[in-house]
Amino acid sequence: MAIPSIQPYPMPSDLPTNRVEWRPEADRAVLLVHDMQNYFLRAFPAGQSPTVELMSNVLALRERCADLGVPVVYSAQPGAQSAEQRGLLLDFWGDGIGQDPWEARITDELAPRRGDVLLTKWRYSAYQRTGLAELMAEQGRDQLIVCGIYAHIGVLMTACEAFMRDVQAFVVADAVADFSLEHHRMALTYAAERCAVTVTTLQVSRALSAEVAGV
């Protein structure tokens, strides 16, 4: 019922075919760093794929977005949730994050900085019971670049909900990770075929920079 131990796997290098041709734009986008908390990350093999690429690419996205004035938003689940707060998550995943504050923290390498927004997240989608939709509406932004973990759970559900809110979602294929290569690829394929555009970290960086430069 708890998060499984994850075996090393290569970060996918081949993207599924996207159905749409959306392009991220710096004045429309928000970067969501999804659930990069110690509790979830410790299931991955340290110093191996996909962890190495995940950390490097999420960090690169955050730096690029910060440089270009793209808002950076973090989602994080609280620790020591009651059974009522957990709801049906309790049936699928058990108690979740424990009492130790370290478990609930965003990993130090990616810790939010001044000006970043940290949302408390209660369900798979980062839209549920958070202020994400309101934050984006207030800033006139209608694109969401999603990175983090886990690809086939919260990342995919957030992308789906963005689509249902008429927000263009971009799932960064080499800046997400999952339980296995099969889960990872399944999430990318579903996103590309049903609700989002799958992109690489390099593609996002180039698109945002080109848009700012007026290219």
Protein backbone atom coordinates (compact mmCIF):
# COMPACT_ATOMS: atom_id res chain seq x y z
CA MET A 1 0.00 0.00 0.00
CA ALA A 2 2.98 2.37 0.51
CA ILE A 3 5.10 3.85 -2.27
CA PRO A 4 7.07 0.99 -3.88
CA SER A 5 10.83 0.88 -4.07
CA ILE A 6 11.77 2.03 -7.56
CA GLN A 7 14.42 0.29 -9.62
CA PRO A 8 16.76 2.28 -11.87
CA TYR A 9 15.52 2.86 -15.40
CA PRO A 10 16.72 5.06 -18.29
CA MET A 11 15.04 8.41 -18.70
CA PRO A 12 12.98 8.15 -21.92
CA SER A 13 14.57 9.93 -24.84
CA ASP A 14 11.83 9.35 -27.42
CA LEU A 15 8.63 11.38 -27.14
CA PRO A 16 5.18 10.26 -28.25
CA THR A 17 3.56 12.10 -31.11
CA ASN A 18 1.63 15.13 -29.87
CA ARG A 19 -1.85 15.77 -31.24
CA VAL A 20 -1.57 19.54 -30.87
CA GLU A 21 1.17 22.08 -31.52
CA TRP A 22 1.00 24.34 -28.49
CA ARG A 23 4.17 26.22 -27.64
CA PRO A 24 5.06 27.50 -24.18
CA GLU A 25 5.21 31.28 -23.89
CA ALA A 26 6.89 33.14 -21.05
CA ASP A 27 4.09 35.66 -20.58
CA ARG A 28 1.41 32.94 -20.43
CA ALA A 29 3.08 30.11 -18.52
CA VAL A 30 3.46 28.96 -14.93
CA LEU A 31 6.01 26.31 -13.93
CA LEU A 32 4.66 23.69 -11.51
CA VAL A 33 7.25 21.69 -9.56
CA HIS A 34 5.09 18.78 -8.49
CA ASP A 35 5.64 16.94 -5.18
CA MET A 36 9.45 16.95 -5.15
CA GLN A 37 9.42 16.02 -1.48
CA ASN A 38 11.89 13.83 0.38
CA TYR A 39 9.22 11.25 1.20
CA PHE A 40 8.53 10.57 -2.48
CA LEU A 41 12.09 10.99 -3.75
CA ARG A 42 13.59 8.48 -1.35
CA ALA A 43 11.89 5.67 -3.29
CA PHE A 44 14.20 6.39 -6.24
CA PRO A 45 17.76 5.07 -6.57
CA ALA A 46 20.13 7.82 -5.50
CA GLY A 47 22.80 8.77 -8.01
CA GLN A 48 21.24 6.73 -10.83
CA SER A 49 18.71 7.17 -13.61
CA PRO A 50 16.10 8.51 -13.63
CA THR A 51 16.94 10.44 -10.44
CA VAL A 52 20.01 12.18 -11.83
CA GLU A 53 18.22 13.48 -14.92
CA LEU A 54 15.08 14.34 -12.98
CA MET A 55 16.91 16.56 -10.50
CA SER A 56 19.12 18.22 -13.11
CA ASN A 57 16.26 19.00 -15.48
CA VAL A 58 13.81 20.26 -12.86
CA LEU A 59 16.54 22.56 -11.57
CA ALA A 60 17.28 23.77 -15.11
CA LEU A 61 13.59 24.50 -15.71
CA ARG A 62 13.30 26.42 -12.47
CA GLU A 63 16.35 28.54 -13.28
CA ARG A 64 15.21 29.29 -16.81
CA CYS A 65 11.70 30.22 -15.71
CA ALA A 66 12.97 32.41 -12.90
CA ASP A 67 15.29 34.21 -15.32
CA LEU A 68 12.42 34.87 -17.73
CA GLY A 69 9.86 35.97 -15.14
CA VAL A 70 7.75 32.82 -15.38
CA PRO A 71 6.10 32.18 -11.99
CA VAL A 72 7.39 29.09 -10.19
CA VAL A 73 4.85 27.17 -8.11
CA TYR A 74 5.50 24.15 -5.92
CA SER A 75 3.02 21.56 -4.73
CA ALA A 76 3.65 19.61 -1.54
CA GLN A 77 1.56 17.26 0.54
CA PRO A 78 1.48 17.85 4.30
CA GLY A 79 2.78 15.28 6.76
CA ALA A 80 0.93 13.50 9.55
CA GLN A 81 -2.47 13.71 7.88
CA SER A 82 -5.50 12.43 9.74
CA ALA A 83 -7.65 9.66 8.29
CA GLU A 84 -10.27 12.27 7.43
CA GLN A 85 -7.73 14.39 5.57
CA ARG A 86 -6.37 11.39 3.69
CA GLY A 87 -9.80 10.23 2.58
CA LEU A 88 -9.62 7.55 -0.11
CA LEU A 89 -5.87 8.04 -0.45
CA LEU A 90 -5.65 6.03 2.76
CA ASP A 91 -7.12 2.98 1.01
CA PHE A 92 -4.67 3.15 -1.88
CA TRP A 93 -1.47 4.49 -0.27
CA GLY A 94 -1.75 4.13 3.48
CA ASP A 95 -0.87 6.88 5.94
CA GLY A 96 1.37 8.83 3.57
CA ILE A 97 3.98 11.27 4.82
CA GLY A 98 4.80 10.74 8.47
CA GLN A 99 5.56 12.92 11.49
CA ASP A 100 9.19 13.70 10.60
CA PRO A 101 9.28 17.22 9.07
CA TRP A 102 12.11 16.13 6.76
CA GLU A 103 9.77 13.81 4.88
CA ALA A 104 7.38 16.62 3.90
CA ARG A 105 10.07 19.11 2.86
CA ILE A 106 10.92 19.86 -0.75
CA THR A 107 14.37 18.41 -1.37
CA ASP A 108 17.05 20.94 -0.41
CA GLU A 109 18.45 21.16 -3.94
CA LEU A 110 15.10 22.48 -5.19
CA ALA A 111 13.87 24.33 -2.11
CA PRO A 112 11.49 27.21 -2.94
CA ARG A 113 13.06 30.63 -3.05
CA ARG A 114 11.75 34.11 -2.34
CA GLY A 115 8.96 34.88 -4.76
CA ASP A 116 8.09 31.23 -5.41
CA VAL A 117 4.68 29.93 -4.35
CA LEU A 118 4.23 26.78 -2.25
CA LEU A 119 0.79 25.17 -2.40
CA THR A 120 -0.44 22.60 0.09
CA LYS A 121 -1.75 19.70 -1.98
CA TRP A 122 -4.32 17.15 -0.79
CA ARG A 123 -5.16 15.00 -3.81
CA TYR A 124 -3.55 13.77 -7.02
CA SER A 125 -4.21 16.94 -9.01
CA ALA A 126 -2.44 20.12 -7.93
CA TYR A 127 -5.69 21.96 -8.70
CA GLN A 128 -7.71 20.15 -6.03
CA ARG A 129 -8.18 22.12 -2.79
CA THR A 130 -5.40 24.57 -3.68
CA GLY A 131 -5.29 28.08 -5.03
CA LEU A 132 -3.57 27.16 -8.29
CA ALA A 133 -6.50 28.03 -10.54
CA GLU A 134 -7.06 31.36 -8.80
CA LEU A 135 -3.36 32.21 -8.86
CA MET A 136 -3.17 31.61 -12.60
CA ALA A 137 -6.36 33.56 -13.28
CA GLU A 138 -5.15 36.53 -11.24
CA GLN A 139 -1.93 36.65 -13.24
CA GLY A 140 -3.66 36.11 -16.58
CA ARG A 141 -1.80 32.89 -17.29
CA ASP A 142 -3.25 30.00 -19.23
CA GLN A 143 -0.33 27.61 -19.71
CA LEU A 144 1.05 25.14 -17.15
CA ILE A 145 4.47 23.51 -17.49
CA VAL A 146 4.52 20.43 -15.25
CA CYS A 147 7.59 18.66 -13.90
CA GLY A 148 8.19 16.42 -10.88
CA ILE A 149 6.72 13.13 -9.65
CA TYR A 150 4.97 10.82 -10.13
CA ALA A 151 4.31 11.01 -13.88
CA HIS A 152 1.32 8.65 -14.09
CA ILE A 153 -0.36 9.92 -10.91
CA GLY A 154 -0.23 13.56 -9.86
CA VAL A 155 1.57 14.93 -12.91
CA LEU A 156 -0.87 13.33 -15.34
CA MET A 157 -3.96 14.17 -13.27
CA THR A 158 -2.85 17.80 -13.03
CA ALA A 159 -2.31 17.96 -16.78
CA CYS A 160 -5.76 16.45 -17.36
CA GLU A 161 -7.42 18.95 -15.06
CA ALA A 162 -5.56 21.82 -16.69
CA PHE A 163 -6.99 20.69 -20.02
CA MET A 164 -10.49 20.58 -18.55
CA ARG A 165 -9.99 24.16 -17.33
CA ASP A 166 -8.88 25.31 -20.81
CA VAL A 167 -5.29 25.68 -19.66
CA GLN A 168 -2.63 24.43 -22.07
CA ALA A 169 -0.51 21.86 -20.25
CA PHE A 170 3.06 20.83 -21.06
CA VAL A 171 4.44 17.65 -19.49
CA VAL A 172 8.23 17.78 -19.49
CA ALA A 173 9.15 14.21 -20.38
CA ASP A 174 12.71 14.25 -19.03
CA ALA A 175 11.83 16.28 -15.92
CA VAL A 176 9.29 13.80 -14.55
CA ALA A 177 9.84 10.31 -13.16
CA ASP A 178 7.73 7.35 -12.17
CA PHE A 179 7.51 3.88 -10.65
CA SER A 180 8.99 2.32 -13.80
CA LEU A 181 9.83 3.04 -17.41
CA GLU A 182 6.48 1.51 -18.40
CA HIS A 183 4.54 3.82 -16.09
CA HIS A 184 6.58 6.79 -17.30
CA ARG A 185 5.93 6.07 -20.97
CA MET A 186 2.24 5.39 -20.35
CA ALA A 187 1.84 8.80 -18.73
CA LEU A 188 3.58 10.56 -21.60
CA THR A 189 1.54 8.74 -24.22
CA TYR A 190 -1.76 9.51 -22.51
CA ALA A 191 -0.82 13.17 -22.07
CA ALA A 192 0.23 13.56 -25.71
CA GLU A 193 -2.88 11.87 -27.04
CA ARG A 194 -5.53 13.30 -24.71
CA CYS A 195 -4.71 16.47 -22.80
CA ALA A 196 -1.24 18.00 -23.15
CA VAL A 197 1.94 18.46 -25.13
CA THR A 198 4.97 16.38 -24.18
CA VAL A 199 8.24 18.26 -24.44
CA THR A 200 11.85 18.02 -23.30
CA THR A 201 13.58 20.39 -20.92
CA LEU A 202 15.65 21.76 -23.81
CA GLN A 203 12.56 22.35 -25.95
CA VAL A 204 10.82 24.27 -23.16
CA SER A 205 13.90 26.38 -22.50
CA ARG A 206 14.35 27.24 -26.17
CA ALA A 207 10.67 28.02 -26.71
CA LEU A 208 10.45 30.32 -23.70
CA SER A 209 13.67 32.12 -24.59
CA ALA A 210 12.69 32.52 -28.23
CA GLU A 211 9.31 33.94 -27.27
CA VAL A 212 10.92 36.50 -24.96
CA ALA A 213 13.36 37.45 -27.72
CA GLY A 214 10.48 37.83 -30.16
CA VAL A 215 11.68 35.04 -32.43
